[in-house]
Amino acid sequence: MLPQILQDEPQFVEALLSDYTRRTKDRVPDKLGDDPKAAMSRAKQNLKEQLLMLEVLFWIVWGHVSCDGPLMIKILEAAYSTSLGSSQANTMFLLDEESLQLQQDSAALWIVLTLEAFKFDKVVESSNIPRTTYLASDDCLKKLHELISSHTDSRYACIYLVWAFLLCRLSNSNDPIQTSFLETLSTSDDQQNPTNRKPVYLQMLEACLSPDAGLLQLIFSLLTKSPLFVTSVAWKTGSWLCDPNAIAFRSVIKGRQCDVSE
């Protein structure tokens, strides 16, 4: 039924992303300033709705939308601009244990959402890059690389690793678009690092696997401590996730990351 309801799914995703970003910036009304309990309740309700929106976004990207360049850019821009949901206008009212858990769950959902948007497995399996994907535009590739390479914080390590692998995949492509992008990337890197002759994707991979990057710790924490992946943790924390421990969540993290490691 969903395709009948959402006749323009990419447009719906864009609208949902826009509304999500707006909600992270919505402040508690001034009239609640003298009632901390009411202000906290309003801020927390906003956070719960954001979490639900991220779940909807994931399932649409999982089963219905193949992201083109502009849509992929908007997903990553929303992820980075909100710091995976931790950048909230009402931070001062979100200090209790439940609020912190909601923000952690949002971050976990952002990770699986962005990884799924890359459609990593399809890119690996395809002999040719489909013209409808985010990899089919030189300008979009440049923008995506700029976004990803400029966010090296450990919370984005999974995204950074997958992009490094995708660059490796593109290096074996004979498509003129990818070849042009990689040549531009290589020229720019030679100018910035004249002594480092390694391909950009190898440099990114080494940076990602260094102990300081925190990649393995991030994956381990997600798979063992996040309600998104561990049902018992979801029960213990009273998580607001609608469908914790779904097979889809686990396949994105374990499947994608294992493929990259291989």
Protein backbone atom coordinates (compact mmCIF):
# COMPACT_ATOMS: atom_id res chain seq x y z
CA MET A 1 0.00 0.00 0.00
CA LEU A 2 2.87 2.37 0.70
CA PRO A 3 3.67 3.15 -2.97
CA GLN A 4 0.01 4.14 -3.42
CA ILE A 5 0.19 6.53 -0.47
CA LEU A 6 3.64 7.92 -1.24
CA GLN A 7 3.48 8.61 -4.94
CA ASP A 8 6.69 10.66 -4.79
CA GLU A 9 8.83 8.88 -2.21
CA PRO A 10 12.05 10.90 -2.66
CA GLN A 11 10.06 14.10 -2.15
CA PHE A 12 8.54 12.63 1.01
CA VAL A 13 12.01 11.76 2.31
CA GLU A 14 13.18 15.32 1.65
CA ALA A 15 10.14 16.76 3.44
CA LEU A 16 10.68 14.45 6.42
CA LEU A 17 14.37 15.37 6.61
CA SER A 18 13.49 19.05 6.53
CA ASP A 19 10.89 18.65 9.27
CA TYR A 20 13.29 16.58 11.37
CA THR A 21 16.01 19.22 11.13
CA ARG A 22 13.50 21.93 12.02
CA ARG A 23 12.41 20.02 15.10
CA THR A 24 15.99 19.82 16.41
CA LYS A 25 16.01 23.62 16.34
CA ASP A 26 12.56 24.16 17.87
CA ARG A 27 12.82 25.71 21.30
CA VAL A 28 10.42 25.17 24.16
CA PRO A 29 7.85 28.03 24.22
CA ASP A 30 8.79 30.95 26.43
CA LYS A 31 5.54 30.55 28.36
CA LEU A 32 6.91 27.31 29.82
CA GLY A 33 10.05 29.01 31.10
CA ASP A 34 8.66 29.18 34.64
CA ASP A 35 7.60 25.52 34.64
CA PRO A 36 10.74 23.35 34.27
CA LYS A 37 8.76 20.11 34.47
CA ALA A 38 6.43 21.11 31.63
CA ALA A 39 9.37 22.42 29.60
CA MET A 40 11.23 19.13 30.05
CA SER A 41 8.16 17.15 29.04
CA ARG A 42 7.71 19.23 25.88
CA ALA A 43 11.39 18.92 24.92
CA LYS A 44 11.37 15.16 25.52
CA GLN A 45 8.20 14.69 23.46
CA ASN A 46 9.88 16.52 20.59
CA LEU A 47 12.84 14.14 20.89
CA LYS A 48 10.56 11.08 20.83
CA GLU A 49 8.90 12.34 17.65
CA GLN A 50 12.32 12.86 16.07
CA LEU A 51 13.21 9.25 16.87
CA LEU A 52 10.01 8.06 15.21
CA MET A 53 10.78 10.15 12.12
CA LEU A 54 14.20 8.53 11.85
CA GLU A 55 12.61 5.08 12.02
CA VAL A 56 10.22 6.00 9.20
CA LEU A 57 13.11 7.38 7.15
CA PHE A 58 15.12 4.19 7.62
CA TRP A 59 12.33 1.88 6.51
CA ILE A 60 11.54 3.98 3.45
CA VAL A 61 15.19 4.07 2.41
CA TRP A 62 15.49 0.36 3.22
CA GLY A 63 12.65 -0.84 1.02
CA HIS A 64 11.42 1.89 -1.28
CA VAL A 65 13.87 4.64 -2.23
CA SER A 66 17.12 4.43 -4.15
CA CYS A 67 18.94 7.67 -3.39
CA ASP A 68 20.16 9.83 -6.24
CA GLY A 69 22.91 12.40 -5.69
CA PRO A 70 20.84 15.34 -4.38
CA LEU A 71 18.87 13.15 -1.98
CA MET A 72 22.01 11.44 -0.67
CA ILE A 73 23.59 14.83 -0.03
CA LYS A 74 20.51 16.00 1.89
CA ILE A 75 20.57 12.87 4.07
CA LEU A 76 24.22 13.38 4.98
CA GLU A 77 23.79 17.12 5.49
CA ALA A 78 20.96 16.44 7.94
CA ALA A 79 23.05 13.82 9.75
CA TYR A 80 26.09 16.07 10.06
CA SER A 81 24.24 19.32 10.81
CA THR A 82 22.41 17.70 13.73
CA SER A 83 25.45 15.70 14.92
CA LEU A 84 23.43 12.51 14.49
CA GLY A 85 20.59 14.01 16.52
CA SER A 86 22.64 15.17 19.49
CA SER A 87 22.52 18.85 18.52
CA GLN A 88 19.28 20.01 20.13
CA ALA A 89 18.02 23.52 20.82
CA ASN A 90 16.52 22.27 24.09
CA THR A 91 19.67 20.63 25.45
CA MET A 92 19.24 22.26 28.86
CA PHE A 93 15.97 20.34 29.31
CA LEU A 94 17.34 17.01 28.07
CA LEU A 95 19.67 15.99 30.87
CA ASP A 96 17.83 13.08 32.50
CA GLU A 97 18.62 9.43 31.74
CA GLU A 98 15.65 8.92 29.42
CA SER A 99 16.55 11.97 27.31
CA LEU A 100 20.15 10.85 26.98
CA GLN A 101 18.97 7.39 25.90
CA LEU A 102 16.70 8.93 23.27
CA GLN A 103 19.65 10.84 21.84
CA GLN A 104 21.82 7.72 21.81
CA ASP A 105 19.06 5.80 20.01
CA SER A 106 18.77 8.60 17.48
CA ALA A 107 22.51 8.44 16.80
CA ALA A 108 22.32 4.67 16.27
CA LEU A 109 19.41 5.09 13.86
CA TRP A 110 21.27 7.80 11.95
CA ILE A 111 24.20 5.42 11.46
CA VAL A 112 22.09 2.59 10.04
CA LEU A 113 20.06 5.07 7.97
CA THR A 114 23.09 6.65 6.31
CA LEU A 115 24.76 3.30 5.69
CA GLU A 116 21.60 1.89 4.12
CA ALA A 117 21.25 4.98 1.92
CA PHE A 118 24.60 4.11 0.32
CA LYS A 119 23.09 0.79 -0.89
CA PHE A 120 26.54 -0.65 -0.35
CA ASP A 121 25.67 -4.23 -1.24
CA LYS A 122 24.14 -3.27 -4.59
CA VAL A 123 27.18 -1.21 -5.54
CA VAL A 124 29.45 -4.13 -4.67
CA GLU A 125 27.40 -6.62 -6.68
CA SER A 126 26.85 -4.45 -9.77
CA SER A 127 29.26 -4.71 -12.65
CA ASN A 128 28.19 -1.22 -13.74
CA ILE A 129 27.09 1.71 -11.60
CA PRO A 130 23.39 2.48 -12.27
CA ARG A 131 22.80 5.93 -13.71
CA THR A 132 20.07 6.66 -11.18
CA THR A 133 22.26 6.44 -8.08
CA TYR A 134 24.26 9.06 -6.18
CA LEU A 135 27.39 7.71 -7.93
CA ALA A 136 26.22 8.80 -11.37
CA SER A 137 27.02 12.52 -11.06
CA ASP A 138 30.49 14.04 -10.94
CA ASP A 139 29.30 17.10 -9.01
CA CYS A 140 27.45 14.97 -6.45
CA LEU A 141 30.46 12.73 -5.95
CA LYS A 142 32.62 15.77 -5.23
CA LYS A 143 30.08 17.17 -2.78
CA LEU A 144 29.69 13.83 -0.99
CA HIS A 145 33.44 13.40 -0.67
CA GLU A 146 33.80 16.92 0.69
CA LEU A 147 31.08 16.28 3.29
CA ILE A 148 32.41 12.90 4.42
CA SER A 149 36.11 13.73 4.44
CA SER A 150 35.51 16.88 6.49
CA HIS A 151 33.77 14.95 9.31
CA THR A 152 36.36 12.69 10.91
CA ASP A 153 34.89 12.47 14.41
CA SER A 154 34.66 8.89 15.71
CA ARG A 155 30.85 8.98 15.69
CA TYR A 156 31.02 9.11 11.86
CA ALA A 157 33.61 6.33 11.52
CA CYS A 158 31.22 3.84 9.89
CA ILE A 159 30.24 6.35 7.20
CA TYR A 160 33.89 7.21 6.64
CA LEU A 161 34.84 3.55 6.21
CA VAL A 162 32.05 2.77 3.75
CA TRP A 163 32.96 5.79 1.65
CA ALA A 164 36.60 4.66 1.57
CA PHE A 165 35.47 1.30 0.21
CA LEU A 166 33.17 2.93 -2.34
CA LEU A 167 36.10 5.01 -3.60
CA CYS A 168 38.04 1.76 -3.97
CA ARG A 169 35.10 0.28 -5.91
CA LEU A 170 35.00 3.32 -8.18
CA SER A 171 38.72 3.01 -8.87
CA ASN A 172 37.93 -0.23 -10.73
CA SER A 173 35.17 1.37 -12.76
CA ASN A 174 35.53 2.29 -16.40
CA ASP A 175 32.70 4.80 -16.26
CA PRO A 176 33.85 8.24 -17.52
CA ILE A 177 32.04 10.00 -14.66
CA GLN A 178 33.79 8.06 -11.91
CA THR A 179 37.12 8.23 -13.73
CA SER A 180 36.86 12.01 -14.02
CA PHE A 181 35.97 12.35 -10.33
CA LEU A 182 38.85 10.14 -9.20
CA GLU A 183 41.33 12.02 -11.38
CA THR A 184 40.20 15.29 -9.82
CA LEU A 185 40.44 13.74 -6.37
CA SER A 186 43.92 12.40 -7.04
CA THR A 187 45.18 15.73 -8.38
CA SER A 188 43.82 17.59 -5.37
CA ASP A 189 45.37 15.08 -2.97
CA ASP A 190 48.77 15.28 -4.69
CA GLN A 191 48.75 19.04 -4.20
CA GLN A 192 47.85 18.74 -0.50
CA ASN A 193 50.05 15.71 0.29
CA PRO A 194 52.87 15.63 -2.26
CA THR A 195 54.84 13.00 -0.29
CA ASN A 196 51.93 10.60 0.14
CA ARG A 197 51.42 8.60 -3.05
CA LYS A 198 48.83 6.21 -1.67
CA PRO A 199 45.32 6.34 -3.18
CA VAL A 200 42.86 8.46 -1.23
CA TYR A 201 40.77 5.45 -0.26
CA LEU A 202 43.81 3.76 1.33
CA GLN A 203 44.62 6.91 3.27
CA MET A 204 41.02 7.05 4.50
CA LEU A 205 41.05 3.36 5.38
CA GLU A 206 44.25 3.69 7.42
CA ALA A 207 42.85 6.71 9.23
CA CYS A 208 39.61 4.86 9.94
CA LEU A 209 41.37 1.76 11.31
CA SER A 210 43.77 3.66 13.54
CA PRO A 211 43.14 3.19 17.29
CA ASP A 212 42.27 6.87 17.68
CA ALA A 213 39.41 6.63 15.16
CA GLY A 214 37.33 4.45 17.46
CA LEU A 215 35.68 2.46 14.65
CA LEU A 216 35.80 -0.97 16.30
CA GLN A 217 34.72 0.45 19.65
CA LEU A 218 31.77 2.15 17.95
CA ILE A 219 30.61 -1.03 16.21
CA PHE A 220 31.09 -3.11 19.37
CA SER A 221 29.12 -0.60 21.44
CA LEU A 222 26.28 -0.54 18.91
CA LEU A 223 25.98 -4.32 18.74
CA THR A 224 26.21 -4.96 22.48
CA LYS A 225 24.85 -1.88 24.27
CA SER A 226 22.34 -0.18 21.97
CA PRO A 227 18.59 -0.93 22.29
CA LEU A 228 18.50 -0.81 18.51
CA PHE A 229 20.34 -4.15 18.40
CA VAL A 230 19.83 -5.74 21.83
CA THR A 231 16.27 -6.48 22.90
CA SER A 232 17.19 -6.97 26.56
CA VAL A 233 18.76 -3.50 26.62
CA ALA A 234 15.64 -2.07 25.00
CA TRP A 235 13.51 -3.60 27.80
CA LYS A 236 15.88 -2.47 30.52
CA THR A 237 16.04 1.14 29.32
CA GLY A 238 12.37 1.39 28.39
CA SER A 239 13.44 2.33 24.87
CA TRP A 240 10.99 4.23 22.67
CA LEU A 241 12.17 2.40 19.54
CA CYS A 242 9.21 0.82 17.77
CA ASP A 243 11.08 -2.22 16.45
CA PRO A 244 14.35 -2.91 18.33
CA ASN A 245 16.64 -5.70 17.20
CA ALA A 246 15.15 -5.85 13.70
CA ILE A 247 17.01 -8.06 11.24
CA ALA A 248 17.38 -5.08 8.91
CA PHE A 249 19.31 -3.06 11.50
CA ARG A 250 21.72 -5.89 12.19
CA SER A 251 22.25 -6.67 8.50
CA VAL A 252 23.23 -3.07 7.79
CA ILE A 253 25.91 -2.93 10.48
CA LYS A 254 27.20 -6.50 10.47
CA GLY A 255 26.77 -7.15 6.77
CA ARG A 256 28.13 -3.85 5.47
CA GLN A 257 31.06 -3.62 7.87
CA CYS A 258 32.06 -7.28 7.33
CA ASP A 259 32.03 -6.79 3.54
CA VAL A 260 34.29 -3.76 3.89
CA SER A 261 36.71 -5.62 6.15
CA GLU A 262 36.99 -8.42 3.63
